């Protein structure tokens, strides 16, 4: 939550989904506000890695289809 606020300059209670991928790319975490509490979803791959869109900075906006593609491991 603090990373979304301080590093990205975004409000974690805004209804947006924040996706964080580890450096090795085998772990992705999603942080989102469901209206009552902050929820954390984590997914780890035994083989392969999550491939996300290329970023120019710390944050990138995704289309509605891209989060599902990211979690399915579609490049």
N, C-alpha and C. Protein backbone atom coordinates (compact mmCIF):
# COMPACT_ATOMS: atom_id res chain seq x y z
N UNK A 1 0.83 -1.17 0.00
CA UNK A 1 0.00 0.00 0.00
C UNK A 1 0.88 1.24 0.00
N UNK A 2 1.90 1.24 0.80
CA UNK A 2 2.79 2.40 0.87
C UNK A 2 3.52 2.60 -0.44
N UNK A 3 3.87 1.51 -1.13
CA UNK A 3 4.55 1.62 -2.42
C UNK A 3 3.64 2.31 -3.44
N UNK A 4 2.38 1.95 -3.44
CA UNK A 4 1.44 2.59 -4.36
C UNK A 4 1.30 4.08 -4.05
N UNK A 5 1.28 4.43 -2.78
CA UNK A 5 1.13 5.82 -2.38
C UNK A 5 2.38 6.64 -2.64
N UNK A 6 3.53 6.17 -2.16
CA UNK A 6 4.74 6.97 -2.20
C UNK A 6 5.48 6.89 -3.52
N UNK A 7 5.71 5.69 -4.02
CA UNK A 7 6.51 5.54 -5.24
C UNK A 7 5.71 5.86 -6.50
N UNK A 8 4.48 5.40 -6.56
CA UNK A 8 3.67 5.59 -7.76
C UNK A 8 2.81 6.85 -7.70
N UNK A 9 2.65 7.41 -6.51
CA UNK A 9 1.84 8.60 -6.35
C UNK A 9 0.36 8.35 -6.61
N UNK A 10 -0.11 7.17 -6.31
CA UNK A 10 -1.50 6.79 -6.57
C UNK A 10 -2.20 6.46 -5.24
N UNK A 11 -3.51 6.57 -5.25
CA UNK A 11 -4.32 6.26 -4.09
C UNK A 11 -4.74 4.79 -4.15
N UNK A 12 -4.31 3.95 -3.20
CA UNK A 12 -4.67 2.53 -3.24
C UNK A 12 -6.16 2.28 -3.00
N UNK A 13 -6.90 3.28 -2.54
CA UNK A 13 -8.34 3.15 -2.30
C UNK A 13 -9.17 3.68 -3.47
N UNK A 14 -8.53 3.89 -4.62
CA UNK A 14 -9.19 4.50 -5.77
C UNK A 14 -10.01 3.50 -6.59
N UNK A 15 -9.83 2.21 -6.34
CA UNK A 15 -10.51 1.20 -7.14
C UNK A 15 -9.63 0.62 -8.24
N UNK A 16 -8.43 1.16 -8.40
CA UNK A 16 -7.48 0.62 -9.38
C UNK A 16 -6.86 -0.66 -8.85
N UNK A 17 -6.38 -1.47 -9.75
CA UNK A 17 -5.64 -2.69 -9.39
C UNK A 17 -4.16 -2.41 -9.60
N UNK A 18 -3.36 -2.65 -8.58
CA UNK A 18 -1.92 -2.43 -8.64
C UNK A 18 -1.24 -3.78 -8.77
N UNK A 19 -0.46 -3.95 -9.82
CA UNK A 19 0.25 -5.21 -10.07
C UNK A 19 1.74 -4.99 -9.85
N UNK A 20 2.35 -5.87 -9.09
CA UNK A 20 3.78 -5.83 -8.82
C UNK A 20 4.37 -7.18 -9.22
N UNK A 21 5.45 -7.13 -10.00
CA UNK A 21 6.12 -8.35 -10.45
C UNK A 21 7.53 -8.34 -9.88
N UNK A 22 7.98 -9.49 -9.38
CA UNK A 22 9.33 -9.55 -8.82
C UNK A 22 10.36 -9.48 -9.95
N UNK A 23 11.60 -9.21 -9.61
CA UNK A 23 12.65 -9.04 -10.61
C UNK A 23 12.85 -10.28 -11.47
N UNK A 24 12.76 -11.46 -10.87
CA UNK A 24 12.94 -12.70 -11.64
C UNK A 24 11.73 -13.00 -12.52
N UNK A 25 10.58 -12.39 -12.20
CA UNK A 25 9.41 -12.53 -13.04
C UNK A 25 8.54 -13.74 -12.74
N UNK A 26 8.87 -14.52 -11.72
CA UNK A 26 8.07 -15.72 -11.44
C UNK A 26 6.93 -15.47 -10.45
N UNK A 27 6.87 -14.26 -9.88
CA UNK A 27 5.86 -13.94 -8.88
C UNK A 27 5.21 -12.61 -9.23
N UNK A 28 3.88 -12.58 -9.17
CA UNK A 28 3.14 -11.34 -9.39
C UNK A 28 2.15 -11.19 -8.23
N UNK A 29 2.01 -9.95 -7.75
CA UNK A 29 1.06 -9.65 -6.68
C UNK A 29 0.14 -8.54 -7.15
N UNK A 30 -1.14 -8.69 -6.86
CA UNK A 30 -2.14 -7.68 -7.19
C UNK A 30 -2.70 -7.12 -5.90
N UNK A 31 -2.76 -5.82 -5.80
CA UNK A 31 -3.31 -5.13 -4.64
C UNK A 31 -4.50 -4.32 -5.10
N UNK A 32 -5.65 -4.48 -4.44
CA UNK A 32 -6.82 -3.71 -4.83
C UNK A 32 -7.76 -3.53 -3.65
N UNK A 33 -8.55 -2.48 -3.71
CA UNK A 33 -9.54 -2.15 -2.70
C UNK A 33 -10.88 -2.69 -3.16
N UNK A 34 -11.54 -3.53 -2.37
CA UNK A 34 -12.81 -4.13 -2.77
C UNK A 34 -14.01 -3.37 -2.20
N UNK A 35 -13.77 -2.22 -1.62
CA UNK A 35 -14.84 -1.43 -1.04
C UNK A 35 -14.92 -1.56 0.47
N UNK A 36 -14.33 -2.63 1.01
CA UNK A 36 -14.33 -2.85 2.45
C UNK A 36 -12.93 -3.01 3.00
N UNK A 37 -12.03 -3.59 2.21
CA UNK A 37 -10.67 -3.84 2.68
C UNK A 37 -9.73 -3.95 1.49
N UNK A 38 -8.44 -3.85 1.78
CA UNK A 38 -7.44 -4.07 0.75
C UNK A 38 -7.24 -5.57 0.58
N UNK A 39 -7.21 -6.01 -0.66
CA UNK A 39 -7.03 -7.43 -0.96
C UNK A 39 -5.70 -7.62 -1.66
N UNK A 40 -5.02 -8.69 -1.32
CA UNK A 40 -3.75 -9.03 -1.94
C UNK A 40 -3.88 -10.40 -2.58
N UNK A 41 -3.63 -10.46 -3.88
CA UNK A 41 -3.67 -11.70 -4.63
C UNK A 41 -2.25 -11.96 -5.11
N UNK A 42 -1.73 -13.15 -4.89
CA UNK A 42 -0.39 -13.49 -5.33
C UNK A 42 -0.43 -14.78 -6.15
N UNK A 43 0.39 -14.81 -7.20
CA UNK A 43 0.49 -16.01 -8.03
C UNK A 43 1.96 -16.22 -8.37
N UNK A 44 2.42 -17.47 -8.17
CA UNK A 44 3.81 -17.82 -8.44
C UNK A 44 3.84 -18.93 -9.47
N UNK A 45 4.76 -18.82 -10.41
CA UNK A 45 4.94 -19.86 -11.42
C UNK A 45 6.10 -20.77 -11.03
N UNK A 46 5.91 -22.07 -11.18
CA UNK A 46 7.00 -23.01 -10.94
C UNK A 46 8.01 -22.96 -12.08
N UNK A 47 7.50 -22.79 -13.30
CA UNK A 47 8.36 -22.67 -14.48
C UNK A 47 7.92 -21.46 -15.28
N UNK A 48 8.85 -20.84 -15.93
CA UNK A 48 8.53 -19.69 -16.76
C UNK A 48 8.47 -18.41 -15.94
N UNK A 49 7.96 -17.38 -16.59
CA UNK A 49 7.86 -16.09 -15.91
C UNK A 49 6.71 -15.30 -16.48
N UNK A 50 6.24 -14.36 -15.69
CA UNK A 50 5.19 -13.45 -16.13
C UNK A 50 5.82 -12.39 -17.02
N UNK A 51 5.20 -12.15 -18.15
CA UNK A 51 5.70 -11.14 -19.09
C UNK A 51 4.68 -10.01 -19.12
N UNK A 52 5.13 -8.84 -18.73
CA UNK A 52 4.24 -7.69 -18.72
C UNK A 52 4.60 -6.74 -19.84
N UNK A 53 3.83 -5.69 -19.97
CA UNK A 53 4.13 -4.69 -21.00
C UNK A 53 5.42 -3.94 -20.66
N UNK A 54 6.08 -3.45 -21.68
CA UNK A 54 7.31 -2.67 -21.48
C UNK A 54 6.96 -1.37 -20.76
N UNK A 55 7.79 -0.99 -19.80
CA UNK A 55 7.55 0.23 -19.04
C UNK A 55 8.66 1.23 -19.28
N UNK A 56 8.31 2.49 -19.22
CA UNK A 56 9.30 3.56 -19.34
C UNK A 56 9.66 4.12 -17.97
N UNK A 57 8.85 3.84 -16.98
CA UNK A 57 9.08 4.33 -15.63
C UNK A 57 8.62 3.30 -14.62
N UNK A 58 8.11 3.79 -13.51
CA UNK A 58 7.66 2.90 -12.44
C UNK A 58 6.25 2.36 -12.68
N UNK A 59 5.43 3.08 -13.42
CA UNK A 59 4.03 2.70 -13.57
C UNK A 59 3.64 2.62 -15.04
N UNK A 60 2.68 1.75 -15.31
CA UNK A 60 2.12 1.62 -16.65
C UNK A 60 0.63 1.34 -16.51
N UNK A 61 -0.17 1.88 -17.40
CA UNK A 61 -1.60 1.61 -17.39
C UNK A 61 -1.88 0.43 -18.31
N UNK A 62 -2.76 -0.46 -17.88
CA UNK A 62 -3.11 -1.64 -18.65
C UNK A 62 -4.52 -1.52 -19.20
N UNK A 63 -4.74 -2.12 -20.35
CA UNK A 63 -6.10 -2.21 -20.89
C UNK A 63 -6.85 -3.26 -20.07
N UNK A 64 -8.17 -3.32 -20.15
CA UNK A 64 -8.92 -4.32 -19.38
C UNK A 64 -8.50 -5.77 -19.67
N UNK A 65 -8.03 -6.06 -20.86
CA UNK A 65 -7.64 -7.44 -21.21
C UNK A 65 -6.24 -7.80 -20.71
N UNK A 66 -5.37 -6.84 -20.55
CA UNK A 66 -3.98 -7.14 -20.22
C UNK A 66 -3.76 -7.81 -18.86
N UNK A 67 -4.49 -7.46 -17.77
CA UNK A 67 -4.25 -8.18 -16.51
C UNK A 67 -4.51 -9.67 -16.61
N UNK A 68 -5.57 -10.07 -17.30
CA UNK A 68 -5.84 -11.50 -17.44
C UNK A 68 -4.77 -12.19 -18.29
N UNK A 69 -4.30 -11.49 -19.32
CA UNK A 69 -3.23 -12.04 -20.14
C UNK A 69 -1.94 -12.19 -19.34
N UNK A 70 -1.66 -11.22 -18.48
CA UNK A 70 -0.49 -11.27 -17.62
C UNK A 70 -0.56 -12.48 -16.69
N UNK A 71 -1.70 -12.68 -16.05
CA UNK A 71 -1.84 -13.79 -15.11
C UNK A 71 -1.86 -15.15 -15.78
N UNK A 72 -2.26 -15.21 -17.04
CA UNK A 72 -2.25 -16.47 -17.79
C UNK A 72 -0.88 -16.76 -18.40
N UNK A 73 0.03 -15.79 -18.34
CA UNK A 73 1.36 -15.98 -18.90
C UNK A 73 1.41 -15.79 -20.40
N UNK A 74 0.44 -15.08 -20.97
CA UNK A 74 0.42 -14.83 -22.40
C UNK A 74 1.30 -13.64 -22.71
N UNK A 75 2.21 -13.81 -23.65
CA UNK A 75 3.15 -12.75 -24.02
C UNK A 75 2.50 -11.80 -25.01
